[in-house]
Amino acid sequence: MRITPDEVRRIAALARIQLDDAEVQKMAADMDAILGHFETLGKLPLDDVEPTAQSVALDLPMRDDERERGLAVEDALRPAPESRDGHFVVPKVL
């Protein structure tokens, strides 16, 4: 699989980055090498390998999902620099 400089320029435009001609050539070679590695991985015989979600077995203890008393509104708002009508007051962000 060959990555062309035009493809690199298109990807760079989509990512909104500017590359000079030398960077385009280097990026094309790097991307081509990366895709070559994926081609190598694609040729591995994996027919007898079971799919897994984890490569290492994890023992994750589970707890019952029980309802607990939450934090009172007054306690949550107490450390806030400013609150109004039971809500945090924060600066507008536009």
PDB file of N, CA and C in Angstrom:
ATOM      1  N   MET A   1       0.850  -1.174   0.000  1.00  0.00           N
ATOM      2  CA  MET A   1       0.000   0.000   0.000  1.00  0.00           C
ATOM      3  C   MET A   1       0.896   1.237   0.000  1.00  0.00           C
ATOM      4  N   ARG A   2       0.616   2.165  -0.843  1.00  0.00           N
ATOM      5  CA  ARG A   2       1.452   3.355  -0.983  1.00  0.00           C
ATOM      6  C   ARG A   2       0.627   4.594  -0.636  1.00  0.00           C
ATOM      7  N   ILE A   3       1.138   5.408   0.277  1.00  0.00           N
ATOM      8  CA  ILE A   3       0.517   6.678   0.635  1.00  0.00           C
ATOM      9  C   ILE A   3       1.141   7.764  -0.228  1.00  0.00           C
ATOM     10  N   THR A   4       0.332   8.475  -0.951  1.00  0.00           N
ATOM     11  CA  THR A   4       0.847   9.509  -1.838  1.00  0.00           C
ATOM     12  C   THR A   4       0.949  10.843  -1.102  1.00  0.00           C
ATOM     13  N   PRO A   5       1.811  11.730  -1.587  1.00  0.00           N
ATOM     14  CA  PRO A   5       1.894  13.062  -0.988  1.00  0.00           C
ATOM     15  C   PRO A   5       0.558  13.808  -1.031  1.00  0.00           C
ATOM     16  N   ASP A   6      -0.229  13.583  -2.069  1.00  0.00           N
ATOM     17  CA  ASP A   6      -1.537  14.237  -2.151  1.00  0.00           C
ATOM     18  C   ASP A   6      -2.454  13.770  -1.021  1.00  0.00           C
ATOM     19  N   GLU A   7      -2.387  12.479  -0.686  1.00  0.00           N
ATOM     20  CA  GLU A   7      -3.190  11.959   0.430  1.00  0.00           C
ATOM     21  C   GLU A   7      -2.736  12.584   1.753  1.00  0.00           C
ATOM     22  N   VAL A   8      -1.426  12.741   1.915  1.00  0.00           N
ATOM     23  CA  VAL A   8      -0.909  13.369   3.131  1.00  0.00           C
ATOM     24  C   VAL A   8      -1.384  14.814   3.213  1.00  0.00           C
ATOM     25  N   ARG A   9      -1.331  15.525   2.105  1.00  0.00           N
ATOM     26  CA  ARG A   9      -1.797  16.921   2.091  1.00  0.00           C
ATOM     27  C   ARG A   9      -3.282  17.010   2.439  1.00  0.00           C
ATOM     28  N   ARG A  10      -4.070  16.071   1.919  1.00  0.00           N
ATOM     29  CA  ARG A  10      -5.513  16.065   2.219  1.00  0.00           C
ATOM     30  C   ARG A  10      -5.749  15.794   3.694  1.00  0.00           C
ATOM     31  N   ILE A  11      -5.045  14.824   4.255  1.00  0.00           N
ATOM     32  CA  ILE A  11      -5.184  14.521   5.680  1.00  0.00           C
ATOM     33  C   ILE A  11      -4.731  15.715   6.520  1.00  0.00           C
ATOM     34  N   ALA A  12      -3.634  16.348   6.126  1.00  0.00           N
ATOM     35  CA  ALA A  12      -3.143  17.522   6.848  1.00  0.00           C
ATOM     36  C   ALA A  12      -4.172  18.650   6.791  1.00  0.00           C
ATOM     37  N   ALA A  13      -4.821  18.829   5.654  1.00  0.00           N
ATOM     38  CA  ALA A  13      -5.843  19.867   5.541  1.00  0.00           C
ATOM     39  C   ALA A  13      -7.029  19.557   6.444  1.00  0.00           C
ATOM     40  N   LEU A  14      -7.430  18.284   6.498  1.00  0.00           N
ATOM     41  CA  LEU A  14      -8.533  17.895   7.380  1.00  0.00           C
ATOM     42  C   LEU A  14      -8.176  18.126   8.848  1.00  0.00           C
ATOM     43  N   ALA A  15      -6.905  17.902   9.191  1.00  0.00           N
ATOM     44  CA  ALA A  15      -6.435  18.106  10.560  1.00  0.00           C
ATOM     45  C   ALA A  15      -6.067  19.561  10.826  1.00  0.00           C
ATOM     46  N   ARG A  16      -6.144  20.382   9.782  1.00  0.00           N
ATOM     47  CA  ARG A  16      -5.817  21.809   9.873  1.00  0.00           C
ATOM     48  C   ARG A  16      -4.383  22.037  10.348  1.00  0.00           C
ATOM     49  N   ILE A  17      -3.464  21.281   9.742  1.00  0.00           N
ATOM     50  CA  ILE A  17      -2.042  21.496  10.010  1.00  0.00           C
ATOM     51  C   ILE A  17      -1.343  21.797   8.690  1.00  0.00           C
ATOM     52  N   GLN A  18      -0.311  22.589   8.783  1.00  0.00           N
ATOM     53  CA  GLN A  18       0.433  22.956   7.585  1.00  0.00           C
ATOM     54  C   GLN A  18       1.740  22.170   7.549  1.00  0.00           C
ATOM     55  N   LEU A  19       2.024  21.591   6.407  1.00  0.00           N
ATOM     56  CA  LEU A  19       3.258  20.844   6.204  1.00  0.00           C
ATOM     57  C   LEU A  19       3.952  21.377   4.959  1.00  0.00           C
ATOM     58  N   ASP A  20       5.273  21.557   5.063  1.00  0.00           N
ATOM     59  CA  ASP A  20       6.005  21.932   3.850  1.00  0.00           C
ATOM     60  C   ASP A  20       6.290  20.659   3.050  1.00  0.00           C
ATOM     61  N   ASP A  21       6.879  20.796   1.870  1.00  0.00           N
ATOM     62  CA  ASP A  21       7.077  19.644   0.989  1.00  0.00           C
ATOM     63  C   ASP A  21       7.948  18.561   1.625  1.00  0.00           C
ATOM     64  N   ALA A  22       8.974  18.973   2.369  1.00  0.00           N
ATOM     65  CA  ALA A  22       9.838  17.980   3.023  1.00  0.00           C
ATOM     66  C   ALA A  22       9.063  17.210   4.084  1.00  0.00           C
ATOM     67  N   GLU A  23       8.225  17.917   4.837  1.00  0.00           N
ATOM     68  CA  GLU A  23       7.421  17.253   5.866  1.00  0.00           C
ATOM     69  C   GLU A  23       6.388  16.321   5.240  1.00  0.00           C
ATOM     70  N   VAL A  24       5.831  16.721   4.111  1.00  0.00           N
ATOM     71  CA  VAL A  24       4.865  15.859   3.407  1.00  0.00           C
ATOM     72  C   VAL A  24       5.538  14.564   2.981  1.00  0.00           C
ATOM     73  N   GLN A  25       6.731  14.659   2.414  1.00  0.00           N
ATOM     74  CA  GLN A  25       7.453  13.458   1.975  1.00  0.00           C
ATOM     75  C   GLN A  25       7.773  12.542   3.154  1.00  0.00           C
ATOM     76  N   LYS A  26       8.243  13.138   4.264  1.00  0.00           N
ATOM     77  CA  LYS A  26       8.579  12.335   5.450  1.00  0.00           C
ATOM     78  C   LYS A  26       7.323  11.691   6.029  1.00  0.00           C
ATOM     79  N   MET A  27       6.236  12.455   6.099  1.00  0.00           N
ATOM     80  CA  MET A  27       4.990  11.927   6.647  1.00  0.00           C
ATOM     81  C   MET A  27       4.449  10.801   5.772  1.00  0.00           C
ATOM     82  N   ALA A  28       4.569  10.932   4.465  1.00  0.00           N
ATOM     83  CA  ALA A  28       4.113   9.877   3.560  1.00  0.00           C
ATOM     84  C   ALA A  28       4.910   8.594   3.804  1.00  0.00           C
ATOM     85  N   ALA A  29       6.214   8.728   3.966  1.00  0.00           N
ATOM     86  CA  ALA A  29       7.046   7.545   4.235  1.00  0.00           C
ATOM     87  C   ALA A  29       6.702   6.934   5.585  1.00  0.00           C
ATOM     88  N   ASP A  30       6.511   7.782   6.598  1.00  0.00           N
ATOM     89  CA  ASP A  30       6.169   7.273   7.937  1.00  0.00           C
ATOM     90  C   ASP A  30       4.822   6.560   7.931  1.00  0.00           C
ATOM     91  N   MET A  31       3.828   7.179   7.294  1.00  0.00           N
ATOM     92  CA  MET A  31       2.498   6.570   7.243  1.00  0.00           C
ATOM     93  C   MET A  31       2.525   5.269   6.452  1.00  0.00           C
ATOM     94  N   ASP A  32       3.308   5.243   5.402  1.00  0.00           N
ATOM     95  CA  ASP A  32       3.444   4.030   4.609  1.00  0.00           C
ATOM     96  C   ASP A  32       4.062   2.909   5.443  1.00  0.00           C
ATOM     97  N   ALA A  33       5.068   3.243   6.253  1.00  0.00           N
ATOM     98  CA  ALA A  33       5.689   2.241   7.124  1.00  0.00           C
ATOM     99  C   ALA A  33       4.700   1.732   8.166  1.00  0.00           C
ATOM    100  N   ILE A  34       3.901   2.635   8.734  1.00  0.00           N
ATOM    101  CA  ILE A  34       2.909   2.230   9.737  1.00  0.00           C
ATOM    102  C   ILE A  34       1.896   1.276   9.112  1.00  0.00           C
ATOM    103  N   LEU A  35       1.394   1.626   7.939  1.00  0.00           N
ATOM    104  CA  LEU A  35       0.438   0.743   7.274  1.00  0.00           C
ATOM    105  C   LEU A  35       1.070  -0.588   6.894  1.00  0.00           C
ATOM    106  N   GLY A  36       2.371  -0.573   6.598  1.00  0.00           N
ATOM    107  CA  GLY A  36       3.082  -1.819   6.321  1.00  0.00           C
ATOM    108  C   GLY A  36       3.088  -2.733   7.533  1.00  0.00           C
ATOM    109  N   HIS A  37       3.244  -2.160   8.712  1.00  0.00           N
ATOM    110  CA  HIS A  37       3.188  -2.957   9.944  1.00  0.00           C
ATOM    111  C   HIS A  37       1.799  -3.574  10.121  1.00  0.00           C
ATOM    112  N   PHE A  38       0.746  -2.802   9.808  1.00  0.00           N
ATOM    113  CA  PHE A  38      -0.604  -3.347   9.918  1.00  0.00           C
ATOM    114  C   PHE A  38      -0.829  -4.464   8.908  1.00  0.00           C
ATOM    115  N   GLU A  39      -0.264  -4.344   7.730  1.00  0.00           N
ATOM    116  CA  GLU A  39      -0.366  -5.425   6.746  1.00  0.00           C
ATOM    117  C   GLU A  39       0.293  -6.691   7.286  1.00  0.00           C
ATOM    118  N   THR A  40       1.441  -6.526   7.954  1.00  0.00           N
ATOM    119  CA  THR A  40       2.128  -7.674   8.559  1.00  0.00           C
ATOM    120  C   THR A  40       1.245  -8.309   9.618  1.00  0.00           C
ATOM    121  N   LEU A  41       0.626  -7.487  10.457  1.00  0.00           N
ATOM    122  CA  LEU A  41      -0.269  -8.021  11.492  1.00  0.00           C
ATOM    123  C   LEU A  41      -1.463  -8.732  10.864  1.00  0.00           C
ATOM    124  N   GLY A  42      -1.946  -8.209   9.748  1.00  0.00           N
ATOM    125  CA  GLY A  42      -3.090  -8.820   9.074  1.00  0.00           C
ATOM    126  C   GLY A  42      -2.789 -10.194   8.514  1.00  0.00           C
ATOM    127  N   LYS A  43      -1.536 -10.533   8.322  1.00  0.00           N
ATOM    128  CA  LYS A  43      -1.147 -11.834   7.772  1.00  0.00           C
ATOM    129  C   LYS A  43      -0.941 -12.897   8.854  1.00  0.00           C
ATOM    130  N   LEU A  44      -1.029 -12.518  10.130  1.00  0.00           N
ATOM    131  CA  LEU A  44      -0.820 -13.478  11.205  1.00  0.00           C
ATOM    132  C   LEU A  44      -1.946 -14.511  11.227  1.00  0.00           C
ATOM    133  N   PRO A  45      -1.609 -15.790  11.480  1.00  0.00           N
ATOM    134  CA  PRO A  45      -2.641 -16.827  11.551  1.00  0.00           C
ATOM    135  C   PRO A  45      -3.347 -16.775  12.906  1.00  0.00           C
ATOM    136  N   LEU A  46      -4.535 -16.206  12.936  1.00  0.00           N
ATOM    137  CA  LEU A  46      -5.259 -16.028  14.192  1.00  0.00           C
ATOM    138  C   LEU A  46      -6.532 -16.855  14.267  1.00  0.00           C
ATOM    139  N   ASP A  47      -6.661 -17.844  13.404  1.00  0.00           N
ATOM    140  CA  ASP A  47      -7.881 -18.646  13.379  1.00  0.00           C
ATOM    141  C   ASP A  47      -8.118 -19.385  14.687  1.00  0.00           C
ATOM    142  N   ASP A  48      -7.045 -19.810  15.370  1.00  0.00           N
ATOM    143  CA  ASP A  48      -7.196 -20.587  16.591  1.00  0.00           C
ATOM    144  C   ASP A  48      -7.098 -19.732  17.849  1.00  0.00           C
ATOM    145  N   VAL A  49      -7.106 -18.419  17.710  1.00  0.00           N
ATOM    146  CA  VAL A  49      -6.985 -17.531  18.863  1.00  0.00           C
ATOM    147  C   VAL A  49      -8.375 -17.018  19.236  1.00  0.00           C
ATOM    148  N   GLU A  50      -8.736 -17.248  20.514  1.00  0.00           N
ATOM    149  CA  GLU A  50     -10.047 -16.787  20.970  1.00  0.00           C
ATOM    150  C   GLU A  50     -10.027 -15.283  21.184  1.00  0.00           C
ATOM    151  N   PRO A  51     -11.104 -14.598  20.829  1.00  0.00           N
ATOM    152  CA  PRO A  51     -11.165 -13.160  21.094  1.00  0.00           C
ATOM    153  C   PRO A  51     -11.217 -12.902  22.595  1.00  0.00           C
ATOM    154  N   THR A  52     -10.557 -11.860  23.023  1.00  0.00           N
ATOM    155  CA  THR A  52     -10.560 -11.500  24.441  1.00  0.00           C
ATOM    156  C   THR A  52     -10.775 -10.003  24.588  1.00  0.00           C
ATOM    157  N   ALA A  53     -11.317  -9.625  25.738  1.00  0.00           N
ATOM    158  CA  ALA A  53     -11.465  -8.206  26.043  1.00  0.00           C
ATOM    159  C   ALA A  53     -10.242  -7.710  26.796  1.00  0.00           C
ATOM    160  N   GLN A  54      -9.545  -8.610  27.471  1.00  0.00           N
ATOM    161  CA  GLN A  54      -8.346  -8.274  28.237  1.00  0.00           C
ATOM    162  C   GLN A  54      -7.255  -9.274  27.894  1.00  0.00           C
ATOM    163  N   SER A  55      -6.038  -8.810  27.808  1.00  0.00           N
ATOM    164  CA  SER A  55      -4.943  -9.731  27.545  1.00  0.00           C
ATOM    165  C   SER A  55      -4.468 -10.407  28.830  1.00  0.00           C
ATOM    166  N   VAL A  56      -4.784  -9.793  29.970  1.00  0.00           N
ATOM    167  CA  VAL A  56      -4.417 -10.342  31.271  1.00  0.00           C
ATOM    168  C   VAL A  56      -5.697 -10.484  32.079  1.00  0.00           C
ATOM    169  N   ALA A  57      -5.879 -11.642  32.710  1.00  0.00           N
ATOM    170  CA  ALA A  57      -7.076 -11.858  33.512  1.00  0.00           C
ATOM    171  C   ALA A  57      -7.089 -10.896  34.699  1.00  0.00           C
ATOM    172  N   LEU A  58      -8.219 -10.216  34.876  1.00  0.00           N
ATOM    173  CA  LEU A  58      -8.364  -9.283  35.981  1.00  0.00           C
ATOM    174  C   LEU A  58      -9.455  -9.769  36.915  1.00  0.00           C
ATOM    175  N   ASP A  59      -9.189  -9.684  38.201  1.00  0.00           N
ATOM    176  CA  ASP A  59     -10.186 -10.039  39.184  1.00  0.00           C
ATOM    177  C   ASP A  59     -10.732  -8.740  39.764  1.00  0.00           C
ATOM    178  N   LEU A  60     -11.855  -8.304  39.241  1.00  0.00           N
ATOM    179  CA  LEU A  60     -12.443  -7.051  39.681  1.00  0.00           C
ATOM    180  C   LEU A  60     -13.617  -7.347  40.609  1.00  0.00           C
ATOM    181  N   PRO A  61     -13.434  -7.078  41.877  1.00  0.00           N
ATOM    182  CA  PRO A  61     -14.532  -7.359  42.815  1.00  0.00           C
ATOM    183  C   PRO A  61     -15.718  -6.445  42.535  1.00  0.00           C
ATOM    184  N   MET A  62     -16.882  -6.999  42.594  1.00  0.00           N
ATOM    185  CA  MET A  62     -18.103  -6.235  42.367  1.00  0.00           C
ATOM    186  C   MET A  62     -18.826  -6.060  43.693  1.00  0.00           C
ATOM    187  N   ARG A  63     -19.505  -4.954  43.837  1.00  0.00           N
ATOM    188  CA  ARG A  63     -20.309  -4.733  45.029  1.00  0.00           C
ATOM    189  C   ARG A  63     -21.757  -4.566  44.598  1.00  0.00           C
ATOM    190  N   ASP A  64     -22.651  -4.809  45.525  1.00  0.00           N
ATOM    191  CA  ASP A  64     -24.059  -4.617  45.220  1.00  0.00           C
ATOM    192  C   ASP A  64     -24.323  -3.139  44.980  1.00  0.00           C
ATOM    193  N   ASP A  65     -25.170  -2.870  44.015  1.00  0.00           N
ATOM    194  CA  ASP A  65     -25.534  -1.501  43.712  1.00  0.00           C
ATOM    195  C   ASP A  65     -26.669  -1.111  44.651  1.00  0.00           C
ATOM    196  N   GLU A  66     -26.299  -0.444  45.724  1.00  0.00           N
ATOM    197  CA  GLU A  66     -27.278  -0.076  46.734  1.00  0.00           C
ATOM    198  C   GLU A  66     -27.416   1.435  46.804  1.00  0.00           C
ATOM    199  N   ARG A  67     -28.617   1.862  47.023  1.00  0.00           N
ATOM    200  CA  ARG A  67     -28.888   3.290  47.138  1.00  0.00           C
ATOM    201  C   ARG A  67     -28.367   3.793  48.479  1.00  0.00           C
ATOM    202  N   GLU A  68     -27.660   4.911  48.434  1.00  0.00           N
ATOM    203  CA  GLU A  68     -27.130   5.507  49.650  1.00  0.00           C
ATOM    204  C   GLU A  68     -27.593   6.953  49.741  1.00  0.00           C
ATOM    205  N   ARG A  69     -27.575   7.459  50.936  1.00  0.00           N
ATOM    206  CA  ARG A  69     -27.957   8.858  51.136  1.00  0.00           C
ATOM    207  C   ARG A  69     -26.900   9.742  50.478  1.00  0.00           C
ATOM    208  N   GLY A  70     -27.359  10.690  49.685  1.00  0.00           N
ATOM    209  CA  GLY A  70     -26.453  11.595  48.991  1.00  0.00           C
ATOM    210  C   GLY A  70     -26.062  12.781  49.854  1.00  0.00           C
ATOM    211  N   LEU A  71     -25.243  13.626  49.297  1.00  0.00           N
ATOM    212  CA  LEU A  71     -24.781  14.828  49.971  1.00  0.00           C
ATOM    213  C   LEU A  71     -25.898  15.865  49.954  1.00  0.00           C
ATOM    214  N   ALA A  72     -26.141  16.494  51.089  1.00  0.00           N
ATOM    215  CA  ALA A  72     -27.170  17.530  51.172  1.00  0.00           C
ATOM    216  C   ALA A  72     -26.739  18.732  50.331  1.00  0.00           C
ATOM    217  N   VAL A  73     -27.695  19.410  49.722  1.00  0.00           N
ATOM    218  CA  VAL A  73     -27.411  20.554  48.865  1.00  0.00           C
ATOM    219  C   VAL A  73     -26.627  21.613  49.640  1.00  0.00           C
ATOM    220  N   GLU A  74     -27.025  21.873  50.864  1.00  0.00           N
ATOM    221  CA  GLU A  74     -26.336  22.888  51.665  1.00  0.00           C
ATOM    222  C   GLU A  74     -24.869  22.514  51.890  1.00  0.00           C
ATOM    223  N   ASP A  75     -24.608  21.239  52.139  1.00  0.00           N
ATOM    224  CA  ASP A  75     -23.227  20.788  52.350  1.00  0.00           C
ATOM    225  C   ASP A  75     -22.404  20.896  51.069  1.00  0.00           C
ATOM    226  N   ALA A  76     -23.026  20.623  49.930  1.00  0.00           N
ATOM    227  CA  ALA A  76     -22.312  20.703  48.663  1.00  0.00           C
ATOM    228  C   ALA A  76     -22.001  22.153  48.303  1.00  0.00           C
ATOM    229  N   LEU A  77     -22.910  23.065  48.615  1.00  0.00           N
ATOM    230  CA  LEU A  77     -22.736  24.469  48.251  1.00  0.00           C
ATOM    231  C   LEU A  77     -21.891  25.253  49.256  1.00  0.00           C
ATOM    232  N   ARG A  78     -21.694  24.717  50.451  1.00  0.00           N
ATOM    233  CA  ARG A  78     -20.976  25.443  51.507  1.00  0.00           C
ATOM    234  C   ARG A  78     -19.584  25.924  51.053  1.00  0.00           C
ATOM    235  N   PRO A  79     -18.733  25.106  50.416  1.00  0.00           N
ATOM    236  CA  PRO A  79     -17.405  25.604  50.037  1.00  0.00           C
ATOM    237  C   PRO A  79     -17.393  26.463  48.765  1.00  0.00           C
ATOM    238  N   ALA A  80     -18.527  26.588  48.093  1.00  0.00           N
ATOM    239  CA  ALA A  80     -18.568  27.352  46.837  1.00  0.00           C
ATOM    240  C   ALA A  80     -18.391  28.841  47.118  1.00  0.00           C
ATOM    241  N   PRO A  81     -17.637  29.543  46.274  1.00  0.00           N
ATOM    242  CA  PRO A  81     -17.476  30.980  46.467  1.00  0.00           C
ATOM    243  C   PRO A  81     -18.793  31.737  46.347  1.00  0.00           C
ATOM    244  N   GLU A  82     -19.697  31.219  45.488  1.00  0.00           N
ATOM    245  CA  GLU A  82     -20.986  31.879  45.310  1.00  0.00           C
ATOM    246  C   GLU A  82     -22.032  30.854  44.895  1.00  0.00           C
ATOM    247  N   SER A  83     -23.220  30.970  45.482  1.00  0.00           N
ATOM    248  CA  SER A  83     -24.333  30.096  45.104  1.00  0.00           C
ATOM    249  C   SER A  83     -25.612  30.917  45.126  1.00  0.00           C
ATOM    250  N   ARG A  84     -26.613  30.425  44.377  1.00  0.00           N
ATOM    251  CA  ARG A  84     -27.899  31.116  44.317  1.00  0.00           C
ATOM    252  C   ARG A  84     -28.983  30.084  44.044  1.00  0.00           C
ATOM    253  N   ASP A  85     -30.031  30.122  44.831  1.00  0.00           N
ATOM    254  CA  ASP A  85     -31.200  29.247  44.653  1.00  0.00           C
ATOM    255  C   ASP A  85     -30.812  27.771  44.565  1.00  0.00           C
ATOM    256  N   GLY A  86     -29.869  27.347  45.383  1.00  0.00           N
ATOM    257  CA  GLY A  86     -29.482  25.943  45.423  1.00  0.00           C
ATOM    258  C   GLY A  86     -28.585  25.500  44.284  1.00  0.00           C
ATOM    259  N   HIS A  87     -27.931  26.454  43.606  1.00  0.00           N
ATOM    260  CA  HIS A  87     -27.049  26.127  42.481  1.00  0.00           C
ATOM    261  C   HIS A  87     -25.728  26.855  42.629  1.00  0.00           C
ATOM    262  N   PHE A  88     -24.666  26.311  42.032  1.00  0.00           N
ATOM    263  CA  PHE A  88     -23.380  26.984  41.964  1.00  0.00           C
ATOM    264  C   PHE A  88     -23.491  28.144  40.988  1.00  0.00           C
ATOM    265  N   VAL A  89     -22.885  29.267  41.308  1.00  0.00           N
ATOM    266  CA  VAL A  89     -22.811  30.390  40.382  1.00  0.00           C
ATOM    267  C   VAL A  89     -21.416  30.376  39.778  1.00  0.00           C
ATOM    268  N   VAL A  90     -21.358  30.326  38.441  1.00  0.00           N
ATOM    269  CA  VAL A  90     -20.078  30.282  37.728  1.00  0.00           C
ATOM    270  C   VAL A  90     -20.084  31.358  36.660  1.00  0.00           C
ATOM    271  N   PRO A  91     -18.892  31.807  36.218  1.00  0.00           N
ATOM    272  CA  PRO A  91     -18.846  32.811  35.171  1.00  0.00           C
ATOM    273  C   PRO A  91     -19.386  32.263  33.842  1.00  0.00           C
ATOM    274  N   LYS A  92     -19.975  33.151  33.045  1.00  0.00           N
ATOM    275  CA  LYS A  92     -20.451  32.756  31.722  1.00  0.00           C
ATOM    276  C   LYS A  92     -19.266  32.418  30.839  1.00  0.00           C
ATOM    277  N   VAL A  93     -19.431  31.396  29.999  1.00  0.00           N
ATOM    278  CA  VAL A  93     -18.416  31.020  29.027  1.00  0.00           C
ATOM    279  C   VAL A  93     -19.108  31.015  27.670  1.00  0.00           C
ATOM    280  N   LEU A  94     -18.622  31.854  26.790  1.00  0.00           N
ATOM    281  CA  LEU A  94     -19.248  31.940  25.464  1.00  0.00           C
ATOM    282  C   LEU A  94     -18.291  31.453  24.410  1.00  0.00           C
TER     283      LEU A  94
END
